[in-house]
Amino acid sequence: MKSFRCRACGNDLYFENSVCVACGVSLGYSRDEAAIVTVDDAGRYVDATGLVWHVCRNLNLSGCTWLAPLEGGQCSACDLTRTRPNDADAAGIGLFPVAERAKRWLVAELDRLGFPVAGKDDDPDRGLCFDLLSSTSENVVIGHDAGVVTIDLAEGDDAHRVKVQAQLDEPYRTMLGHFRHEVGHYYEWLLVEGSDRIDRARELFGDERAEYQAAIDRHYAEGPPENWTSSYLSAYATMHPYEDFAETWAHYLHICDTIETAGAYGLTAVGGVDAFSIFRDLVTGVWMPMSIALNMINRSMGTDDLYPFVIPAPVLDKLDFVASLRPPR
């Protein structure tokens, strides 16, 4: 994440700020400029080309600070949400902002890295959308299918999420992590399957045509294979080639975003993910020592490790493959 400053007074801002706490000016996020800009009392911003933008109508519903092209309309990030809880679902609506915040963070990173983010309205066949569902009234299975990412809003409740994390013996579980993982399935479907990259993907991750339900049953009945840590990032990645790819994709985004944020706040002199032409060199030369330091900082505060993972050598090849999918800038 970039560091942001108020254009009115120069105060430091968080990505989610809708108001500058120092000077009180109203703010909005311009996706075109990748910047937080000031808006007038009517919630309007005029860009350098003369176009007028407006605060998203979902500001009070989901905390969205992104700018929309039409007054009373919603922004392009909110357009990606196909389904949300109904207004009568107090529990679902209460957790809705947590998911939307993670989704906006995800979209901003995908924009920075240059990955295509087309909604179903623009591309019905290959576009992306999100069903953010409340499990208060139905069982919700987190997953991806043909560009539709489904998220269980209950994962925004800390107590629920930590309980599931303990039940599954996972070292890491966050709402943003779910979004990153599931969108990894989408980009494998979009950029790898049916392309000339598929053979290399199968060499690294395995044959994605393997029967998925059988893999799920085997994984939860038998657990991960012996010595899985020598070739995988997580036990979950061992379940099926699809999950190995999605886990690797999620970690690619974890690493890119954390390094760029560290650079933006002066914690490293590395100029982001473009500082190295080979991604594994960034991982071994910057990320591994940085993640150890960050883990020690967390331990100094008595909290869990920021990055509770070990990256074995075969995963470096997998991360390189995922990084190669990034469009040329």
Protein backbone atom coordinates (compact mmCIF):
# COMPACT_ATOMS: atom_id res chain seq x y z
CA MET A 1 0.00 0.00 0.00
CA LYS A 2 1.15 3.51 -0.78
CA SER A 3 1.48 6.13 1.90
CA PHE A 4 -1.05 8.94 1.53
CA ARG A 5 -1.08 12.55 2.67
CA CYS A 6 -3.92 15.02 2.86
CA ARG A 7 -3.75 17.38 -0.10
CA ALA A 8 -5.14 20.17 2.06
CA CYS A 9 -2.84 20.02 5.10
CA GLY A 10 -0.23 17.31 4.45
CA ASN A 11 -1.34 15.09 7.34
CA ASP A 12 -0.72 11.34 7.05
CA LEU A 13 -3.79 9.39 5.95
CA TYR A 14 -4.93 5.80 6.07
CA PHE A 15 -6.30 4.22 2.91
CA GLU A 16 -9.77 4.03 4.49
CA ASN A 17 -9.98 7.67 5.64
CA SER A 18 -13.08 9.57 4.52
CA VAL A 19 -12.14 12.64 6.56
CA CYS A 20 -8.76 14.10 7.47
CA VAL A 21 -8.58 13.99 11.28
CA ALA A 22 -6.17 16.94 11.28
CA CYS A 23 -8.00 19.53 9.16
CA GLY A 24 -11.46 18.01 8.80
CA VAL A 25 -11.59 18.08 5.00
CA SER A 26 -13.66 15.34 3.33
CA LEU A 27 -11.77 12.80 1.26
CA GLY A 28 -12.33 10.28 -1.51
CA TYR A 29 -10.19 7.69 -3.28
CA SER A 30 -9.63 8.29 -6.97
CA ARG A 31 -9.01 4.96 -8.62
CA ASP A 32 -7.78 6.60 -11.82
CA GLU A 33 -5.16 8.58 -9.89
CA ALA A 34 -4.54 5.89 -7.24
CA ALA A 35 -4.67 8.76 -4.78
CA ILE A 36 -6.76 10.10 -1.92
CA VAL A 37 -8.16 13.45 -2.97
CA THR A 38 -10.18 16.15 -1.25
CA VAL A 39 -13.87 16.53 -2.05
CA ASP A 40 -16.05 19.59 -1.56
CA ASP A 41 -19.00 19.93 0.79
CA ALA A 42 -21.25 18.32 -1.83
CA GLY A 43 -18.94 15.31 -2.08
CA ARG A 44 -17.56 16.26 -5.48
CA TYR A 45 -14.07 16.11 -6.94
CA VAL A 46 -13.02 17.59 -10.27
CA ASP A 47 -10.05 15.83 -11.82
CA ALA A 48 -7.36 17.35 -14.05
CA THR A 49 -9.40 16.65 -17.19
CA GLY A 50 -12.47 18.41 -15.82
CA LEU A 51 -14.46 15.29 -15.06
CA VAL A 52 -16.62 15.52 -11.93
CA TRP A 53 -16.53 12.61 -9.50
CA HIS A 54 -18.77 11.97 -6.52
CA VAL A 55 -18.47 10.18 -3.20
CA CYS A 56 -19.80 6.62 -3.52
CA ARG A 57 -23.35 6.16 -2.32
CA ASN A 58 -22.18 3.26 -0.12
CA LEU A 59 -20.03 5.41 2.16
CA ASN A 60 -22.40 5.00 5.10
CA LEU A 61 -23.33 1.40 4.26
CA SER A 62 -19.90 -0.16 3.81
CA GLY A 63 -17.43 2.64 4.52
CA CYS A 64 -16.58 2.97 0.84
CA THR A 65 -14.50 6.07 0.15
CA TRP A 66 -14.00 5.49 -3.57
CA LEU A 67 -15.29 8.02 -6.09
CA ALA A 68 -18.15 7.27 -8.45
CA PRO A 69 -18.74 8.79 -11.91
CA LEU A 70 -22.40 9.65 -11.23
CA GLU A 71 -23.97 11.59 -8.39
CA GLY A 72 -25.83 9.16 -6.18
CA GLY A 73 -24.14 6.24 -7.93
CA GLN A 74 -21.64 3.71 -6.73
CA CYS A 75 -17.97 3.28 -7.55
CA SER A 76 -16.32 0.66 -9.74
CA ALA A 77 -15.22 -1.37 -6.71
CA CYS A 78 -18.77 -1.57 -5.37
CA ASP A 79 -19.95 -2.53 -8.86
CA LEU A 80 -17.99 -5.76 -8.45
CA THR A 81 -20.27 -6.89 -5.61
CA ARG A 82 -23.11 -8.84 -7.18
CA THR A 83 -24.83 -9.92 -3.97
CA ARG A 84 -24.90 -8.48 -0.47
CA PRO A 85 -27.07 -9.12 2.61
CA ASN A 86 -30.53 -7.63 2.64
CA ASP A 87 -31.13 -4.65 4.87
CA ALA A 88 -33.16 -6.73 7.34
CA ASP A 89 -30.16 -8.97 8.06
CA ALA A 90 -28.58 -6.96 10.87
CA ALA A 91 -25.76 -9.45 11.44
CA GLY A 92 -24.88 -9.65 7.76
CA ILE A 93 -25.04 -5.89 7.25
CA GLY A 94 -22.88 -5.41 10.34
CA LEU A 95 -20.12 -7.59 8.86
CA PHE A 96 -20.52 -6.34 5.29
CA PRO A 97 -18.06 -3.41 5.72
CA VAL A 98 -15.28 -5.79 6.79
CA ALA A 99 -15.55 -7.72 3.53
CA GLU A 100 -15.89 -4.61 1.39
CA ARG A 101 -12.82 -3.06 3.00
CA ALA A 102 -10.77 -6.17 2.18
CA LYS A 103 -12.14 -6.21 -1.36
CA ARG A 104 -11.14 -2.58 -1.96
CA TRP A 105 -7.65 -3.29 -0.65
CA LEU A 106 -7.43 -6.25 -3.02
CA VAL A 107 -8.63 -4.28 -6.05
CA ALA A 108 -6.20 -1.44 -5.33
CA GLU A 109 -3.31 -3.91 -5.27
CA LEU A 110 -4.43 -5.63 -8.47
CA ASP A 111 -4.57 -2.19 -10.09
CA ARG A 112 -1.03 -1.37 -8.94
CA LEU A 113 0.30 -4.67 -10.26
CA GLY A 114 -1.54 -4.22 -13.56
CA PHE A 115 -3.81 -7.28 -13.47
CA PRO A 116 -7.09 -6.86 -15.37
CA VAL A 117 -10.13 -6.23 -13.16
CA ALA A 118 -13.19 -6.35 -15.40
CA GLY A 119 -16.61 -6.81 -13.86
CA LYS A 120 -19.37 -9.07 -15.11
CA ASP A 121 -21.24 -6.02 -16.40
CA ASP A 122 -18.38 -5.30 -18.80
CA ASP A 123 -17.45 -8.91 -19.57
CA PRO A 124 -20.27 -11.34 -18.70
CA ASP A 125 -18.28 -14.41 -19.73
CA ARG A 126 -14.83 -13.71 -18.24
CA GLY A 127 -15.41 -10.87 -15.81
CA LEU A 128 -15.15 -10.93 -12.03
CA CYS A 129 -17.80 -10.42 -9.37
CA PHE A 130 -18.31 -11.12 -5.67
CA ASP A 131 -21.19 -12.67 -3.78
CA LEU A 132 -20.78 -11.51 -0.18
CA LEU A 133 -23.22 -13.77 1.64
CA SER A 134 -24.47 -13.94 5.19
CA SER A 135 -24.35 -17.37 6.78
CA THR A 136 -26.89 -16.34 9.40
CA SER A 137 -29.64 -17.81 7.24
CA GLU A 138 -27.83 -20.26 4.95
CA ASN A 139 -24.67 -22.32 4.71
CA VAL A 140 -22.06 -20.37 2.74
CA VAL A 141 -19.16 -22.11 1.03
CA ILE A 142 -16.25 -19.80 0.25
CA GLY A 143 -15.09 -20.44 -3.29
CA HIS A 144 -14.80 -19.46 -6.95
CA ASP A 145 -16.74 -20.52 -10.03
CA ALA A 146 -16.30 -18.99 -13.50
CA GLY A 147 -15.48 -15.51 -12.23
CA VAL A 148 -17.87 -15.52 -9.26
CA VAL A 149 -16.10 -15.34 -5.89
CA THR A 150 -18.21 -16.24 -2.87
CA ILE A 151 -17.24 -14.98 0.58
CA ASP A 152 -18.84 -15.86 3.91
CA LEU A 153 -19.36 -12.59 5.80
CA ALA A 154 -19.08 -14.49 9.09
CA GLU A 155 -15.31 -14.51 8.45
CA GLY A 156 -15.40 -10.83 9.36
CA ASP A 157 -16.27 -11.76 12.95
CA ASP A 158 -13.01 -12.27 14.84
CA ALA A 159 -14.39 -14.87 17.24
CA HIS A 160 -15.85 -16.98 14.43
CA ARG A 161 -12.76 -16.75 12.27
CA VAL A 162 -10.34 -17.65 15.08
CA LYS A 163 -12.55 -20.60 16.06
CA VAL A 164 -12.47 -21.96 12.50
CA GLN A 165 -8.75 -21.29 12.28
CA ALA A 166 -8.19 -23.39 15.40
CA GLN A 167 -10.47 -26.17 14.17
CA LEU A 168 -8.57 -26.39 10.88
CA ASP A 169 -5.17 -25.89 12.54
CA GLU A 170 -4.31 -23.02 10.22
CA PRO A 171 -1.42 -20.63 10.95
CA TYR A 172 -3.12 -17.70 9.20
CA ARG A 173 -6.72 -16.78 8.39
CA THR A 174 -7.97 -13.29 7.49
CA MET A 175 -10.71 -11.77 5.39
CA LEU A 176 -8.12 -10.24 3.05
CA GLY A 177 -6.44 -13.63 2.82
CA HIS A 178 -9.71 -15.18 1.66
CA PHE A 179 -10.10 -12.57 -1.05
CA ARG A 180 -6.54 -13.02 -2.24
CA HIS A 181 -6.82 -16.80 -2.31
CA GLU A 182 -10.16 -16.94 -4.11
CA VAL A 183 -9.18 -14.37 -6.70
CA GLY A 184 -6.16 -16.60 -7.36
CA HIS A 185 -8.60 -19.24 -8.63
CA TYR A 186 -10.10 -16.60 -10.87
CA TYR A 187 -6.79 -15.55 -12.40
CA GLU A 188 -5.72 -19.15 -12.96
CA TRP A 189 -9.00 -19.64 -14.82
CA LEU A 190 -8.56 -16.38 -16.71
CA LEU A 191 -4.84 -16.35 -17.50
CA VAL A 192 -3.61 -19.94 -17.34
CA GLU A 193 -6.26 -22.48 -18.27
CA GLY A 194 -6.63 -22.81 -22.01
CA SER A 195 -3.41 -20.88 -22.62
CA ASP A 196 0.13 -21.85 -23.55
CA ARG A 197 1.04 -21.52 -19.86
CA ILE A 198 -0.96 -24.57 -18.80
CA ASP A 199 1.80 -27.14 -19.37
CA ARG A 200 4.22 -25.28 -17.12
CA ALA A 201 1.51 -24.83 -14.51
CA ARG A 202 0.91 -28.56 -14.47
CA GLU A 203 4.64 -29.21 -14.05
CA LEU A 204 4.72 -26.98 -10.98
CA PHE A 205 1.33 -27.45 -9.32
CA GLY A 206 0.05 -30.74 -10.74
CA ASP A 207 -2.78 -31.56 -13.12
CA GLU A 208 -5.77 -29.38 -12.31
CA ARG A 209 -8.04 -31.88 -14.06
CA ALA A 210 -7.75 -34.23 -11.06
CA GLU A 211 -11.18 -34.89 -9.50
CA TYR A 212 -11.73 -32.12 -6.96
CA GLN A 213 -14.28 -33.67 -4.61
CA ALA A 214 -12.14 -36.79 -4.21
CA ALA A 215 -9.19 -34.56 -3.34
CA ILE A 216 -11.25 -32.74 -0.69
CA ASP A 217 -12.43 -36.04 0.84
CA ARG A 218 -8.91 -37.42 0.90
CA HIS A 219 -7.44 -34.26 2.42
CA TYR A 220 -9.89 -34.05 5.30
CA ALA A 221 -9.76 -37.81 5.92
CA GLU A 222 -5.99 -38.27 5.74
CA GLY A 223 -4.46 -34.81 6.11
CA PRO A 224 -1.46 -33.56 4.11
CA PRO A 225 1.15 -35.99 2.80
CA GLU A 226 4.29 -36.70 4.78
CA ASN A 227 7.05 -34.10 4.34
CA TRP A 228 4.67 -31.69 2.65
CA THR A 229 6.60 -28.72 4.03
CA SER A 230 9.41 -29.41 1.58
CA SER A 231 7.26 -28.51 -1.44
CA TYR A 232 4.23 -26.48 -0.30
CA LEU A 233 3.44 -23.24 1.48
CA SER A 234 0.58 -24.69 3.51
CA ALA A 235 -1.13 -27.95 4.29
CA TYR A 236 -4.19 -26.70 2.42
CA ALA A 237 -2.11 -26.25 -0.73
CA THR A 238 -1.48 -30.00 -0.82
CA MET A 239 -5.16 -30.81 -1.31
CA HIS A 240 -5.41 -30.17 -5.07
CA PRO A 241 -3.41 -28.35 -7.78
CA TYR A 242 -6.08 -25.63 -7.83
CA GLU A 243 -5.48 -24.94 -4.14
CA ASP A 244 -1.71 -24.98 -4.53
CA PHE A 245 -1.96 -22.33 -7.22
CA ALA A 246 -4.42 -20.19 -5.23
CA GLU A 247 -2.28 -20.38 -2.10
CA THR A 248 0.82 -19.41 -4.08
CA TRP A 249 -1.08 -16.53 -5.71
CA ALA A 250 -2.26 -15.28 -2.32
CA HIS A 251 1.29 -15.32 -0.99
CA TYR A 252 2.50 -13.48 -4.08
CA LEU A 253 0.05 -10.71 -3.20
CA HIS A 254 0.97 -10.87 0.51
CA ILE A 255 4.64 -10.42 -0.34
CA CYS A 256 4.17 -7.69 -2.96
CA ASP A 257 1.89 -5.60 -0.79
CA THR A 258 3.91 -5.90 2.41
CA ILE A 259 7.19 -5.01 0.70
CA GLU A 260 5.61 -2.03 -1.08
CA THR A 261 4.06 -0.83 2.18
CA ALA A 262 7.38 -1.19 4.00
CA GLY A 263 9.05 0.83 1.26
CA ALA A 264 6.37 3.52 1.34
CA TYR A 265 6.95 4.02 5.06
CA GLY A 266 10.74 3.98 4.92
CA LEU A 267 11.26 0.53 6.42
CA THR A 268 13.22 -0.67 3.38
CA ALA A 269 15.10 1.05 0.58
CA VAL A 270 13.83 -1.48 -1.97
CA GLY A 271 11.70 0.24 -4.57
CA GLY A 272 8.81 -2.21 -4.59
CA VAL A 273 8.31 -5.36 -6.60
CA ASP A 274 9.86 -3.85 -9.73
CA ALA A 275 13.27 -3.55 -8.07
CA PHE A 276 14.12 -7.12 -9.11
CA SER A 277 13.59 -8.61 -12.56
CA ILE A 278 13.31 -12.10 -11.05
CA PHE A 279 10.71 -12.44 -8.32
CA ARG A 280 12.55 -15.14 -6.38
CA ASP A 281 15.44 -12.72 -5.89
CA LEU A 282 13.02 -10.32 -4.22
CA VAL A 283 11.75 -13.14 -2.03
CA THR A 284 15.14 -14.45 -0.93
CA GLY A 285 16.94 -11.12 -0.81
CA VAL A 286 14.25 -8.93 0.74
CA TRP A 287 11.16 -10.78 1.86
CA MET A 288 12.72 -13.60 3.87
CA PRO A 289 14.88 -11.36 6.08
CA MET A 290 12.10 -8.77 6.31
CA SER A 291 9.49 -11.31 7.36
CA ILE A 292 11.79 -12.62 10.10
CA ALA A 293 12.23 -9.07 11.39
CA LEU A 294 8.49 -8.43 11.25
CA ASN A 295 7.82 -11.68 13.10
CA MET A 296 10.22 -10.61 15.82
CA ILE A 297 8.51 -7.22 16.07
CA ASN A 298 5.17 -8.97 16.52
CA ARG A 299 6.68 -11.24 19.17
CA SER A 300 7.99 -8.14 20.91
CA MET A 301 4.36 -7.04 21.21
CA GLY A 302 3.24 -10.47 22.38
CA THR A 303 1.27 -11.25 19.22
CA ASP A 304 1.41 -14.03 16.64
CA ASP A 305 3.95 -13.97 13.82
CA LEU A 306 3.03 -11.66 10.96
CA TYR A 307 4.12 -14.27 8.41
CA PRO A 308 4.01 -17.75 9.96
CA PHE A 309 5.28 -19.57 6.88
CA VAL A 310 8.48 -21.09 5.53
CA ILE A 311 9.12 -20.87 1.79
CA PRO A 312 10.86 -24.04 0.51
CA ALA A 313 12.85 -24.01 -2.73
CA PRO A 314 10.13 -25.55 -4.98
CA VAL A 315 7.74 -22.78 -3.94
CA LEU A 316 10.17 -20.20 -5.31
CA ASP A 317 9.56 -21.71 -8.76
CA LYS A 318 5.82 -21.49 -8.17
CA LEU A 319 6.04 -17.86 -7.06
CA ASP A 320 8.13 -17.07 -10.14
CA PHE A 321 5.40 -18.56 -12.31
CA VAL A 322 2.67 -16.52 -10.67
CA ALA A 323 4.80 -13.38 -10.98
CA SER A 324 5.25 -14.11 -14.70
CA LEU A 325 1.50 -13.73 -15.20
CA ARG A 326 1.72 -10.05 -14.42
CA PRO A 327 1.09 -8.03 -17.59
CA PRO A 328 4.08 -6.03 -18.89
CA ARG A 329 4.06 -2.45 -17.68
